[in-house]
């Protein structure tokens, strides 16, 4: 029993020692999310103004999102993503910028992805809800594979990976939301963020 207790203490001591590198977790989250939101935001813009086709997609109720004030909504979402990406990269006001980014993810999940279920990539073996689209996608994928196997060089086409059909479910929006939620509570992390040095300066003055 004593040996077991000693081992447990040593293991706990090792775990506590690794906390010296706890800044790596928020840093890696920031570095992962920054290019994601930068690309999402800049793809909505033509220079500094929203792209016309994106505004049309936001506003059209027949084949788009049917949002009110589509021009304003594109501006808000695009600049939340662009400025948020820069803030994440620098570790500047990270907790504050995570809020509009989380809101953007919730809006995207509800208005764009929810009707397609959970999965980003169609997989009938892993469907959680709203599986009708998954089953139809699998039928199309099987048909596409049979055509390619008959008329194309299928081995060459699949040499670096199998074909898949994008389902466009809420999986990625939910994942990004959770990552942002961690940053909201945890902050940008120590040493490699502007927030860290601003906080240190404020505390030294206090």
N, C-alpha and C. Protein backbone atom coordinates (compact mmCIF):
# COMPACT_ATOMS: atom_id res chain seq x y z
N UNK A 1 0.82 -1.21 0.00
CA UNK A 1 0.00 0.00 0.00
C UNK A 1 0.86 1.26 0.00
N UNK A 2 1.95 1.22 0.81
CA UNK A 2 2.83 2.38 0.88
C UNK A 2 3.47 2.66 -0.47
N UNK A 3 3.88 1.56 -1.15
CA UNK A 3 4.51 1.72 -2.47
C UNK A 3 3.52 2.31 -3.47
N UNK A 4 2.27 1.84 -3.39
CA UNK A 4 1.24 2.36 -4.28
C UNK A 4 1.00 3.84 -4.04
N UNK A 5 0.97 4.21 -2.74
CA UNK A 5 0.77 5.62 -2.40
C UNK A 5 1.91 6.48 -2.89
N UNK A 6 3.15 5.98 -2.76
CA UNK A 6 4.31 6.72 -3.22
C UNK A 6 4.28 6.92 -4.73
N UNK A 7 3.90 5.85 -5.45
CA UNK A 7 3.79 5.94 -6.90
C UNK A 7 2.74 6.97 -7.31
N UNK A 8 1.61 6.96 -6.61
CA UNK A 8 0.54 7.91 -6.93
C UNK A 8 1.01 9.35 -6.70
N UNK A 9 1.77 9.56 -5.61
CA UNK A 9 2.29 10.90 -5.32
C UNK A 9 3.26 11.34 -6.41
N UNK A 10 4.12 10.42 -6.84
CA UNK A 10 5.09 10.76 -7.88
C UNK A 10 4.41 11.07 -9.21
N UNK A 11 3.40 10.28 -9.54
CA UNK A 11 2.66 10.52 -10.78
C UNK A 11 1.95 11.87 -10.73
N UNK A 12 1.36 12.17 -9.57
CA UNK A 12 0.69 13.46 -9.42
C UNK A 12 1.70 14.60 -9.50
N UNK A 13 2.88 14.37 -8.93
CA UNK A 13 3.93 15.38 -9.02
C UNK A 13 4.36 15.63 -10.46
N UNK A 14 4.43 14.54 -11.23
CA UNK A 14 4.78 14.69 -12.65
C UNK A 14 3.70 15.46 -13.39
N UNK A 15 2.42 15.16 -13.10
CA UNK A 15 1.33 15.89 -13.74
C UNK A 15 1.39 17.37 -13.39
N UNK A 16 1.67 17.67 -12.12
CA UNK A 16 1.78 19.07 -11.70
C UNK A 16 2.94 19.76 -12.41
N UNK A 17 4.03 19.03 -12.62
CA UNK A 17 5.20 19.60 -13.30
C UNK A 17 4.87 20.00 -14.73
N UNK A 18 4.01 19.23 -15.40
CA UNK A 18 3.67 19.55 -16.79
C UNK A 18 2.86 20.83 -16.91
N UNK A 19 2.31 21.32 -15.80
CA UNK A 19 1.55 22.57 -15.86
C UNK A 19 2.44 23.75 -16.24
N UNK A 20 3.74 23.57 -16.15
CA UNK A 20 4.64 24.63 -16.60
C UNK A 20 4.51 24.92 -18.08
N UNK A 21 3.97 23.96 -18.82
CA UNK A 21 3.77 24.14 -20.27
C UNK A 21 2.29 24.32 -20.61
N UNK A 22 1.48 24.75 -19.63
CA UNK A 22 0.05 24.86 -19.88
C UNK A 22 -0.30 25.95 -20.89
N UNK A 23 0.66 26.82 -21.20
CA UNK A 23 0.41 27.86 -22.20
C UNK A 23 0.28 27.28 -23.60
N UNK A 24 0.78 26.05 -23.80
CA UNK A 24 0.75 25.45 -25.13
C UNK A 24 -0.67 25.16 -25.61
N UNK A 25 -1.55 24.77 -24.68
CA UNK A 25 -2.91 24.41 -25.08
C UNK A 25 -3.65 25.59 -25.71
N UNK A 26 -3.78 26.75 -25.02
CA UNK A 26 -4.45 27.88 -25.67
C UNK A 26 -3.69 28.41 -26.88
N UNK A 27 -2.36 28.32 -26.85
CA UNK A 27 -1.59 28.78 -28.01
C UNK A 27 -1.94 27.96 -29.25
N UNK A 28 -1.98 26.63 -29.10
CA UNK A 28 -2.28 25.78 -30.25
C UNK A 28 -3.73 25.96 -30.71
N UNK A 29 -4.65 26.17 -29.78
CA UNK A 29 -6.03 26.47 -30.17
C UNK A 29 -6.09 27.74 -31.00
N UNK A 30 -5.38 28.76 -30.56
CA UNK A 30 -5.37 30.04 -31.29
C UNK A 30 -4.77 29.88 -32.67
N UNK A 31 -3.64 29.17 -32.75
CA UNK A 31 -2.97 29.00 -34.04
C UNK A 31 -3.79 28.14 -34.99
N UNK A 32 -4.58 27.24 -34.45
CA UNK A 32 -5.46 26.41 -35.28
C UNK A 32 -6.63 27.23 -35.81
N UNK A 33 -7.24 28.02 -34.93
CA UNK A 33 -8.46 28.73 -35.29
C UNK A 33 -8.21 29.98 -36.13
N UNK A 34 -7.07 30.63 -35.95
CA UNK A 34 -6.82 31.90 -36.64
C UNK A 34 -6.94 31.77 -38.16
N UNK A 35 -6.26 30.82 -38.82
CA UNK A 35 -6.42 30.73 -40.28
C UNK A 35 -7.81 30.29 -40.71
N UNK A 36 -8.49 29.51 -39.87
CA UNK A 36 -9.86 29.09 -40.19
C UNK A 36 -10.77 30.30 -40.32
N UNK A 37 -10.72 31.19 -39.33
CA UNK A 37 -11.60 32.36 -39.36
C UNK A 37 -11.11 33.41 -40.35
N UNK A 38 -9.80 33.50 -40.55
CA UNK A 38 -9.28 34.44 -41.55
C UNK A 38 -9.81 34.08 -42.94
N UNK A 39 -9.73 32.81 -43.30
CA UNK A 39 -10.21 32.38 -44.61
C UNK A 39 -11.72 32.55 -44.73
N UNK A 40 -12.45 32.21 -43.66
CA UNK A 40 -13.91 32.35 -43.69
C UNK A 40 -14.31 33.80 -43.87
N UNK A 41 -13.62 34.71 -43.18
CA UNK A 41 -13.96 36.12 -43.27
C UNK A 41 -13.57 36.75 -44.59
N UNK A 42 -12.34 36.51 -45.04
CA UNK A 42 -11.87 37.13 -46.28
C UNK A 42 -12.61 36.58 -47.50
N UNK A 43 -13.09 35.35 -47.43
CA UNK A 43 -13.86 34.80 -48.55
C UNK A 43 -15.22 35.47 -48.72
N UNK A 44 -15.66 36.20 -47.70
CA UNK A 44 -16.93 36.93 -47.80
C UNK A 44 -16.74 38.34 -48.33
N UNK A 45 -15.49 38.78 -48.47
CA UNK A 45 -15.21 40.17 -48.80
C UNK A 45 -14.57 40.31 -50.17
N UNK A 46 -14.91 41.41 -50.84
CA UNK A 46 -14.24 41.84 -52.06
C UNK A 46 -13.52 43.13 -51.72
N UNK A 47 -12.27 43.01 -51.30
CA UNK A 47 -11.58 44.15 -50.74
C UNK A 47 -12.04 44.34 -49.30
N UNK A 48 -12.69 45.48 -49.05
CA UNK A 48 -13.21 45.73 -47.70
C UNK A 48 -14.73 45.64 -47.65
N UNK A 49 -15.36 45.37 -48.79
CA UNK A 49 -16.82 45.31 -48.85
C UNK A 49 -17.30 43.88 -49.11
N UNK A 50 -18.51 43.57 -48.70
CA UNK A 50 -19.03 42.21 -48.91
C UNK A 50 -19.17 41.88 -50.39
N UNK A 51 -18.90 40.61 -50.73
CA UNK A 51 -19.12 40.14 -52.09
C UNK A 51 -20.62 40.10 -52.39
N UNK A 52 -20.97 40.50 -53.60
CA UNK A 52 -22.38 40.57 -53.97
C UNK A 52 -23.07 39.21 -53.90
N UNK A 53 -22.37 38.16 -54.36
CA UNK A 53 -23.00 36.83 -54.34
C UNK A 53 -23.20 36.32 -52.92
N UNK A 54 -22.33 36.72 -51.99
CA UNK A 54 -22.50 36.32 -50.59
C UNK A 54 -23.70 37.04 -49.98
N UNK A 55 -23.84 38.33 -50.29
CA UNK A 55 -24.99 39.09 -49.80
C UNK A 55 -26.29 38.48 -50.33
N UNK A 56 -26.29 38.11 -51.61
CA UNK A 56 -27.48 37.49 -52.20
C UNK A 56 -27.81 36.17 -51.50
N UNK A 57 -26.78 35.38 -51.20
CA UNK A 57 -27.00 34.10 -50.53
C UNK A 57 -27.54 34.30 -49.12
N UNK A 58 -27.03 35.30 -48.41
CA UNK A 58 -27.52 35.59 -47.07
C UNK A 58 -28.99 36.00 -47.09
N UNK A 59 -29.39 36.75 -48.13
CA UNK A 59 -30.72 37.35 -48.12
C UNK A 59 -31.81 36.56 -48.81
N UNK A 60 -31.45 35.67 -49.76
CA UNK A 60 -32.46 34.97 -50.54
C UNK A 60 -33.07 33.82 -49.75
N UNK A 61 -34.38 33.84 -49.61
CA UNK A 61 -35.06 32.81 -48.82
C UNK A 61 -35.28 31.53 -49.60
N UNK A 62 -35.22 31.58 -50.93
CA UNK A 62 -35.48 30.39 -51.75
C UNK A 62 -34.27 29.47 -51.82
N UNK A 63 -33.10 30.01 -52.09
CA UNK A 63 -31.91 29.17 -52.23
C UNK A 63 -30.77 29.59 -51.30
N UNK A 64 -31.06 30.54 -50.41
CA UNK A 64 -30.04 31.00 -49.47
C UNK A 64 -30.52 30.91 -48.03
N UNK A 65 -30.02 31.81 -47.21
CA UNK A 65 -30.32 31.77 -45.78
C UNK A 65 -31.58 32.55 -45.41
N UNK A 66 -31.99 33.48 -46.24
CA UNK A 66 -33.19 34.26 -45.95
C UNK A 66 -33.06 35.16 -44.74
N UNK A 67 -31.87 35.71 -44.52
CA UNK A 67 -31.66 36.58 -43.36
C UNK A 67 -32.12 38.00 -43.66
N UNK A 68 -32.62 38.71 -42.65
CA UNK A 68 -32.91 40.13 -42.84
C UNK A 68 -31.61 40.93 -42.88
N UNK A 69 -31.64 42.08 -43.54
CA UNK A 69 -30.48 42.96 -43.64
C UNK A 69 -29.22 42.18 -44.05
N UNK A 70 -29.25 41.52 -45.19
CA UNK A 70 -28.13 40.64 -45.56
C UNK A 70 -26.79 41.36 -45.69
N UNK A 71 -26.80 42.59 -46.21
CA UNK A 71 -25.53 43.32 -46.36
C UNK A 71 -24.89 43.54 -44.99
N UNK A 72 -25.71 43.97 -44.03
CA UNK A 72 -25.20 44.20 -42.68
C UNK A 72 -24.74 42.89 -42.04
N UNK A 73 -25.48 41.83 -42.25
CA UNK A 73 -25.13 40.54 -41.65
C UNK A 73 -23.81 40.01 -42.19
N UNK A 74 -23.58 40.19 -43.50
CA UNK A 74 -22.31 39.77 -44.08
C UNK A 74 -21.16 40.60 -43.51
N UNK A 75 -21.38 41.90 -43.40
CA UNK A 75 -20.35 42.78 -42.84
C UNK A 75 -20.00 42.35 -41.41
N UNK A 76 -21.02 42.10 -40.60
CA UNK A 76 -20.78 41.74 -39.21
C UNK A 76 -20.04 40.41 -39.09
N UNK A 77 -20.50 39.41 -39.84
CA UNK A 77 -19.87 38.09 -39.74
C UNK A 77 -18.46 38.11 -40.32
N UNK A 78 -18.27 38.79 -41.45
CA UNK A 78 -16.96 38.82 -42.09
C UNK A 78 -15.93 39.51 -41.21
N UNK A 79 -16.29 40.67 -40.66
CA UNK A 79 -15.31 41.41 -39.87
C UNK A 79 -15.13 40.80 -38.48
N UNK A 80 -16.15 40.13 -37.96
CA UNK A 80 -15.95 39.37 -36.72
C UNK A 80 -14.91 38.29 -36.94
N UNK A 81 -14.97 37.63 -38.10
CA UNK A 81 -14.03 36.55 -38.39
C UNK A 81 -12.63 37.07 -38.71
N UNK A 82 -12.55 38.14 -39.51
CA UNK A 82 -11.23 38.67 -39.89
C UNK A 82 -10.52 39.27 -38.67
N UNK A 83 -11.21 40.15 -37.96
CA UNK A 83 -10.59 40.77 -36.78
C UNK A 83 -10.36 39.74 -35.68
N UNK A 84 -11.30 38.80 -35.56
CA UNK A 84 -11.13 37.74 -34.57
C UNK A 84 -9.92 36.88 -34.87
N UNK A 85 -9.68 36.60 -36.16
CA UNK A 85 -8.51 35.81 -36.54
C UNK A 85 -7.22 36.52 -36.15
N UNK A 86 -7.15 37.82 -36.42
CA UNK A 86 -5.95 38.58 -36.05
C UNK A 86 -5.77 38.62 -34.54
N UNK A 87 -6.88 38.79 -33.81
CA UNK A 87 -6.80 38.82 -32.35
C UNK A 87 -6.34 37.48 -31.80
N UNK A 88 -6.84 36.39 -32.36
CA UNK A 88 -6.41 35.06 -31.91
C UNK A 88 -4.93 34.84 -32.20
N UNK A 89 -4.48 35.27 -33.36
CA UNK A 89 -3.08 35.09 -33.72
C UNK A 89 -2.16 35.83 -32.75
N UNK A 90 -2.55 37.04 -32.39
CA UNK A 90 -1.73 37.86 -31.50
C UNK A 90 -1.97 37.57 -30.03
N UNK A 91 -3.07 36.91 -29.72
CA UNK A 91 -3.44 36.73 -28.32
C UNK A 91 -3.85 38.04 -27.70
N UNK A 92 -4.62 38.84 -28.44
CA UNK A 92 -5.04 40.16 -28.00
C UNK A 92 -6.55 40.18 -27.78
N UNK A 93 -6.97 40.53 -26.56
CA UNK A 93 -8.40 40.57 -26.22
C UNK A 93 -9.07 39.26 -26.62
N UNK A 94 -8.39 38.17 -26.36
CA UNK A 94 -8.85 36.86 -26.82
C UNK A 94 -10.22 36.49 -26.26
N UNK A 95 -10.42 36.72 -24.99
CA UNK A 95 -11.70 36.36 -24.38
C UNK A 95 -12.83 37.20 -24.97
N UNK A 96 -12.57 38.47 -25.22
CA UNK A 96 -13.60 39.33 -25.79
C UNK A 96 -13.92 38.93 -27.23
N UNK A 97 -12.91 38.68 -28.03
CA UNK A 97 -13.15 38.32 -29.43
C UNK A 97 -13.76 36.93 -29.58
N UNK A 98 -13.57 36.08 -28.59
CA UNK A 98 -14.18 34.75 -28.68
C UNK A 98 -15.70 34.83 -28.64
N UNK A 99 -16.25 35.89 -28.06
CA UNK A 99 -17.71 36.01 -27.94
C UNK A 99 -18.38 36.17 -29.30
N UNK A 100 -18.01 37.19 -30.13
CA UNK A 100 -18.65 37.28 -31.45
C UNK A 100 -18.35 36.09 -32.34
N UNK A 101 -17.18 35.47 -32.17
CA UNK A 101 -16.88 34.29 -32.97
C UNK A 101 -17.77 33.12 -32.57
N UNK A 102 -18.04 32.96 -31.28
CA UNK A 102 -18.96 31.91 -30.85
C UNK A 102 -20.37 32.17 -31.36
N UNK A 103 -20.78 33.43 -31.33
CA UNK A 103 -22.11 33.78 -31.87
C UNK A 103 -22.18 33.44 -33.35
N UNK A 104 -21.10 33.75 -34.08
CA UNK A 104 -21.05 33.42 -35.50
C UNK A 104 -21.20 31.92 -35.73
N UNK A 105 -20.56 31.12 -34.89
CA UNK A 105 -20.65 29.67 -35.03
C UNK A 105 -22.06 29.16 -34.72
N UNK A 106 -22.71 29.75 -33.73
CA UNK A 106 -24.08 29.35 -33.42
C UNK A 106 -25.01 29.69 -34.58
N UNK A 107 -24.87 30.89 -35.13
CA UNK A 107 -25.70 31.30 -36.26
C UNK A 107 -25.46 30.38 -37.45
N UNK A 108 -24.19 30.07 -37.73
CA UNK A 108 -23.86 29.18 -38.85
C UNK A 108 -24.45 27.80 -38.63
N UNK A 109 -24.34 27.29 -37.40
CA UNK A 109 -24.86 25.95 -37.11
C UNK A 109 -26.37 25.89 -37.31
N UNK A 110 -27.07 26.92 -36.84
CA UNK A 110 -28.54 26.90 -36.90
C UNK A 110 -29.05 27.18 -38.30
N UNK A 111 -28.46 28.16 -38.99
CA UNK A 111 -29.01 28.59 -40.28
C UNK A 111 -28.50 27.78 -41.46
N UNK A 112 -27.30 27.21 -41.37
CA UNK A 112 -26.70 26.54 -42.52
C UNK A 112 -26.60 25.03 -42.32
N UNK A 113 -26.14 24.59 -41.16
CA UNK A 113 -25.71 23.20 -41.01
C UNK A 113 -26.71 22.28 -40.31
N UNK A 114 -27.58 22.81 -39.47
CA UNK A 114 -28.41 21.96 -38.62
C UNK A 114 -29.29 21.01 -39.42
N UNK A 115 -29.84 21.48 -40.52
CA UNK A 115 -30.74 20.63 -41.31
C UNK A 115 -30.03 19.42 -41.91
N UNK A 116 -28.70 19.46 -41.94
CA UNK A 116 -27.93 18.34 -42.50
C UNK A 116 -27.45 17.36 -41.42
N UNK A 117 -27.86 17.57 -40.18
CA UNK A 117 -27.45 16.67 -39.12
C UNK A 117 -26.10 17.03 -38.54
N UNK A 118 -25.41 16.03 -38.01
CA UNK A 118 -24.15 16.26 -37.31
C UNK A 118 -22.94 16.22 -38.24
N UNK A 119 -22.87 15.24 -39.10
CA UNK A 119 -21.63 14.94 -39.81
C UNK A 119 -21.24 15.99 -40.85
N UNK A 120 -19.93 16.21 -40.93
CA UNK A 120 -19.40 17.03 -42.02
C UNK A 120 -19.21 16.17 -43.27
N UNK A 121 -18.74 14.95 -43.08
CA UNK A 121 -18.57 13.99 -44.17
C UNK A 121 -19.59 12.88 -44.00
N UNK A 122 -20.30 12.55 -45.06
CA UNK A 122 -21.34 11.53 -44.98
C UNK A 122 -20.75 10.17 -44.61
N UNK A 123 -21.32 9.57 -43.57
CA UNK A 123 -20.92 8.23 -43.14
C UNK A 123 -22.13 7.57 -42.49
N UNK A 124 -22.80 6.65 -43.19
CA UNK A 124 -24.02 6.04 -42.64
C UNK A 124 -23.78 5.24 -41.37
N UNK A 125 -22.54 4.85 -41.10
CA UNK A 125 -22.24 4.07 -39.90
C UNK A 125 -22.13 4.94 -38.66
N UNK A 126 -22.04 6.26 -38.84
CA UNK A 126 -21.79 7.15 -37.70
C UNK A 126 -22.84 8.25 -37.59
N UNK A 127 -24.00 8.06 -38.17
CA UNK A 127 -25.02 9.11 -38.18
C UNK A 127 -25.66 9.25 -36.79
N UNK A 128 -25.75 10.49 -36.30
CA UNK A 128 -26.34 10.75 -34.99
C UNK A 128 -27.80 11.17 -35.08
N UNK A 129 -28.13 12.05 -36.03
CA UNK A 129 -29.51 12.48 -36.21
C UNK A 129 -29.67 13.03 -37.62
N UNK A 130 -30.93 13.12 -38.06
CA UNK A 130 -31.26 13.61 -39.39
C UNK A 130 -30.47 12.84 -40.46
N UNK A 131 -30.73 11.53 -40.53
CA UNK A 131 -29.91 10.64 -41.35
C UNK A 131 -30.43 10.45 -42.78
N UNK A 132 -31.55 11.06 -43.12
CA UNK A 132 -32.10 10.83 -44.46
C UNK A 132 -31.14 11.31 -45.54
N UNK A 133 -30.52 12.46 -45.32
CA UNK A 133 -29.57 12.98 -46.29
C UNK A 133 -28.33 12.11 -46.39
N UNK A 134 -27.92 11.51 -45.27
CA UNK A 134 -26.75 10.64 -45.26
C UNK A 134 -26.99 9.42 -46.14
N UNK A 135 -28.17 8.83 -46.03
CA UNK A 135 -28.49 7.64 -46.81
C UNK A 135 -28.51 7.96 -48.30
N UNK A 136 -29.09 9.10 -48.66
CA UNK A 136 -29.12 9.51 -50.07
C UNK A 136 -27.71 9.78 -50.58
N UNK A 137 -26.89 10.42 -49.75
CA UNK A 137 -25.51 10.71 -50.14
C UNK A 137 -24.73 9.42 -50.36
N UNK A 138 -24.99 8.41 -49.53
CA UNK A 138 -24.30 7.13 -49.70
C UNK A 138 -24.68 6.47 -51.01
N UNK A 139 -25.94 6.58 -51.41
CA UNK A 139 -26.38 6.02 -52.69
C UNK A 139 -25.66 6.71 -53.84
N UNK A 140 -25.53 8.02 -53.76
CA UNK A 140 -24.83 8.77 -54.81
C UNK A 140 -23.34 8.42 -54.84
N UNK A 141 -22.76 8.26 -53.66
CA UNK A 141 -21.35 7.91 -53.60
C UNK A 141 -21.11 6.52 -54.19
N UNK A 142 -21.96 5.57 -53.86
CA UNK A 142 -21.82 4.22 -54.41
C UNK A 142 -21.95 4.24 -55.93
N UNK A 143 -22.89 5.05 -56.44
CA UNK A 143 -23.08 5.14 -57.89
C UNK A 143 -21.86 5.78 -58.55
N UNK A 144 -21.33 6.83 -57.93
CA UNK A 144 -20.14 7.49 -58.48
C UNK A 144 -18.95 6.54 -58.51
N UNK A 145 -18.79 5.75 -57.45
CA UNK A 145 -17.69 4.79 -57.41
C UNK A 145 -17.82 3.75 -58.52
N UNK A 146 -19.04 3.27 -58.74
CA UNK A 146 -19.23 2.24 -59.77
C UNK A 146 -18.92 2.80 -61.16
N UNK A 147 -19.30 4.06 -61.40
CA UNK A 147 -19.00 4.69 -62.69
C UNK A 147 -17.49 4.84 -62.88
N UNK A 148 -16.81 5.30 -61.83
CA UNK A 148 -15.37 5.50 -61.92
C UNK A 148 -14.63 4.17 -62.04
N UNK A 149 -15.10 3.15 -61.35
CA UNK A 149 -14.46 1.84 -61.45
C UNK A 149 -14.60 1.26 -62.86
N UNK A 150 -15.72 1.58 -63.51
CA UNK A 150 -15.96 1.04 -64.84
C UNK A 150 -15.28 1.86 -65.94
N UNK A 151 -15.26 3.18 -65.77
CA UNK A 151 -14.79 4.04 -66.86
C UNK A 151 -13.52 4.82 -66.53
N UNK A 152 -13.02 4.74 -65.31
CA UNK A 152 -11.85 5.52 -64.95
C UNK A 152 -10.77 4.66 -64.32
N UNK A 153 -9.62 5.27 -64.12
CA UNK A 153 -8.50 4.59 -63.44
C UNK A 153 -8.73 4.73 -61.94
N UNK A 154 -9.57 3.87 -61.39
CA UNK A 154 -10.03 4.03 -60.01
C UNK A 154 -8.89 3.87 -59.01
N UNK A 155 -7.97 2.96 -59.26
CA UNK A 155 -6.85 2.76 -58.34
C UNK A 155 -6.00 4.02 -58.24
N UNK A 156 -5.77 4.67 -59.38
CA UNK A 156 -4.99 5.91 -59.37
C UNK A 156 -5.76 7.04 -58.69
N UNK A 157 -7.06 7.12 -58.96
CA UNK A 157 -7.88 8.18 -58.38
C UNK A 157 -7.95 8.08 -56.86
N UNK A 158 -7.91 6.87 -56.33
CA UNK A 158 -8.04 6.67 -54.88
C UNK A 158 -6.71 6.33 -54.22
N UNK A 159 -5.62 6.58 -54.92
CA UNK A 159 -4.30 6.21 -54.39
C UNK A 159 -3.97 6.94 -53.10
N UNK A 160 -4.39 8.19 -52.98
CA UNK A 160 -4.07 8.98 -51.78
C UNK A 160 -5.27 9.14 -50.85
N UNK A 161 -6.36 8.45 -51.11
CA UNK A 161 -7.52 8.54 -50.23
C UNK A 161 -8.80 8.19 -50.96
N UNK A 162 -9.81 7.80 -50.20
CA UNK A 162 -11.08 7.41 -50.78
C UNK A 162 -11.95 8.63 -51.07
N UNK A 163 -12.89 8.45 -51.99
CA UNK A 163 -13.85 9.50 -52.27
C UNK A 163 -14.85 9.61 -51.12
N UNK A 164 -15.34 10.82 -50.91
CA UNK A 164 -16.35 11.07 -49.87
C UNK A 164 -17.27 12.18 -50.34
N UNK A 165 -18.44 12.24 -49.75
CA UNK A 165 -19.40 13.30 -50.04
C UNK A 165 -19.54 14.18 -48.80
N UNK A 166 -19.37 15.47 -49.00
CA UNK A 166 -19.50 16.41 -47.89
C UNK A 166 -20.97 16.52 -47.51
N UNK A 167 -21.26 16.34 -46.23
CA UNK A 167 -22.64 16.41 -45.74
C UNK A 167 -23.00 17.79 -45.21
N UNK A 168 -21.98 18.55 -44.78
CA UNK A 168 -22.17 19.93 -44.33
C UNK A 168 -23.02 20.03 -43.06
N UNK A 169 -22.86 19.06 -42.15
CA UNK A 169 -23.56 19.11 -40.88
C UNK A 169 -22.90 20.07 -39.90
N UNK A 170 -23.35 20.04 -38.65
CA UNK A 170 -22.91 21.02 -37.66
C UNK A 170 -21.59 20.63 -36.99
N UNK A 171 -20.99 19.53 -37.39
CA UNK A 171 -19.82 19.00 -36.69
C UNK A 171 -18.72 20.04 -36.51
N UNK A 172 -18.31 20.71 -37.59
CA UNK A 172 -17.20 21.65 -37.50
C UNK A 172 -17.59 22.92 -36.75
N UNK A 173 -18.80 23.42 -36.99
CA UNK A 173 -19.25 24.61 -36.27
C UNK A 173 -19.29 24.34 -34.77
N UNK A 174 -19.77 23.16 -34.38
CA UNK A 174 -19.82 22.79 -32.97
C UNK A 174 -18.42 22.64 -32.40
N UNK A 175 -17.52 22.05 -33.18
CA UNK A 175 -16.14 21.87 -32.73
C UNK A 175 -15.46 23.21 -32.51
N UNK A 176 -15.61 24.12 -33.46
CA UNK A 176 -15.01 25.45 -33.32
C UNK A 176 -15.62 26.20 -32.13
N UNK A 177 -16.92 26.02 -31.91
CA UNK A 177 -17.57 26.67 -30.77
C UNK A 177 -16.95 26.20 -29.46
N UNK A 178 -16.75 24.89 -29.33
CA UNK A 178 -16.16 24.34 -28.10
C UNK A 178 -14.74 24.87 -27.91
N UNK A 179 -13.96 24.93 -28.98
CA UNK A 179 -12.60 25.45 -28.88
C UNK A 179 -12.59 26.91 -28.45
N UNK A 180 -13.52 27.69 -29.00
CA UNK A 180 -13.63 29.09 -28.61
C UNK A 180 -14.10 29.24 -27.17
N UNK A 181 -14.98 28.34 -26.75
CA UNK A 181 -15.46 28.38 -25.37
C UNK A 181 -14.31 28.15 -24.39
N UNK A 182 -13.41 27.25 -24.74
CA UNK A 182 -12.22 27.02 -23.91
C UNK A 182 -11.39 28.30 -23.82
N UNK A 183 -11.19 28.98 -24.95
CA UNK A 183 -10.42 30.22 -24.94
C UNK A 183 -11.14 31.32 -24.16
N UNK A 184 -12.48 31.31 -24.22
CA UNK A 184 -13.23 32.32 -23.46
C UNK A 184 -12.97 32.18 -21.96
N UNK A 185 -12.96 30.96 -21.46
CA UNK A 185 -12.75 30.74 -20.03
C UNK A 185 -11.26 30.73 -19.66
N UNK A 186 -10.43 30.20 -20.55
CA UNK A 186 -9.01 30.01 -20.23
C UNK A 186 -8.18 31.24 -20.58
N UNK A 187 -8.59 31.95 -21.63
CA UNK A 187 -7.80 33.09 -22.09
C UNK A 187 -6.74 32.67 -23.10
N UNK A 188 -5.90 33.61 -23.49
CA UNK A 188 -4.91 33.38 -24.54
C UNK A 188 -3.72 32.57 -24.09
N UNK A 189 -3.53 32.45 -22.78
CA UNK A 189 -2.40 31.69 -22.27
C UNK A 189 -1.20 32.58 -21.95
N UNK A 190 -0.24 31.98 -21.27
CA UNK A 190 0.93 32.73 -20.81
C UNK A 190 2.00 32.85 -21.89
N UNK A 191 2.88 33.82 -21.73
CA UNK A 191 4.15 33.97 -22.44
C UNK A 191 4.01 34.39 -23.91
N UNK A 192 3.14 33.77 -24.68
CA UNK A 192 3.09 34.03 -26.12
C UNK A 192 1.77 34.68 -26.51
N UNK A 193 1.32 35.61 -25.70
CA UNK A 193 0.12 36.38 -26.03
C UNK A 193 0.28 37.80 -25.51
N UNK A 194 -0.28 38.75 -26.23
CA UNK A 194 -0.25 40.14 -25.77
C UNK A 194 -1.06 40.29 -24.49
N UNK A 195 -2.15 39.55 -24.39
CA UNK A 195 -2.99 39.62 -23.19
C UNK A 195 -2.19 39.34 -21.92
N UNK A 196 -1.28 38.38 -22.00
CA UNK A 196 -0.49 38.00 -20.83
C UNK A 196 0.33 39.18 -20.32
N UNK A 197 0.98 39.90 -21.23
CA UNK A 197 1.84 41.00 -20.81
C UNK A 197 1.04 42.23 -20.41
N UNK A 198 -0.12 42.43 -21.03
CA UNK A 198 -1.00 43.51 -20.59
C UNK A 198 -1.46 43.25 -19.16
N UNK A 199 -1.85 42.01 -18.90
CA UNK A 199 -2.31 41.66 -17.55
C UNK A 199 -1.19 41.82 -16.52
N UNK A 200 0.01 41.39 -16.88
CA UNK A 200 1.15 41.53 -15.95
C UNK A 200 1.42 43.00 -15.65
N UNK A 201 1.35 43.83 -16.68
CA UNK A 201 1.61 45.26 -16.48
C UNK A 201 0.54 45.89 -15.59
N UNK A 202 -0.72 45.50 -15.82
CA UNK A 202 -1.81 46.04 -15.01
C UNK A 202 -1.69 45.59 -13.56
N UNK A 203 -1.29 44.34 -13.34
CA UNK A 203 -1.15 43.83 -11.98
C UNK A 203 0.03 44.48 -11.27
N UNK A 204 1.11 44.77 -12.00
CA UNK A 204 2.27 45.41 -11.37
C UNK A 204 1.95 46.84 -10.95
N UNK A 205 1.08 47.50 -11.72
CA UNK A 205 0.68 48.86 -11.36
C UNK A 205 -0.29 48.86 -10.19
N UNK A 206 -1.10 47.76 -10.11
CA UNK A 206 -2.07 47.68 -9.02
C UNK A 206 -1.41 47.38 -7.70
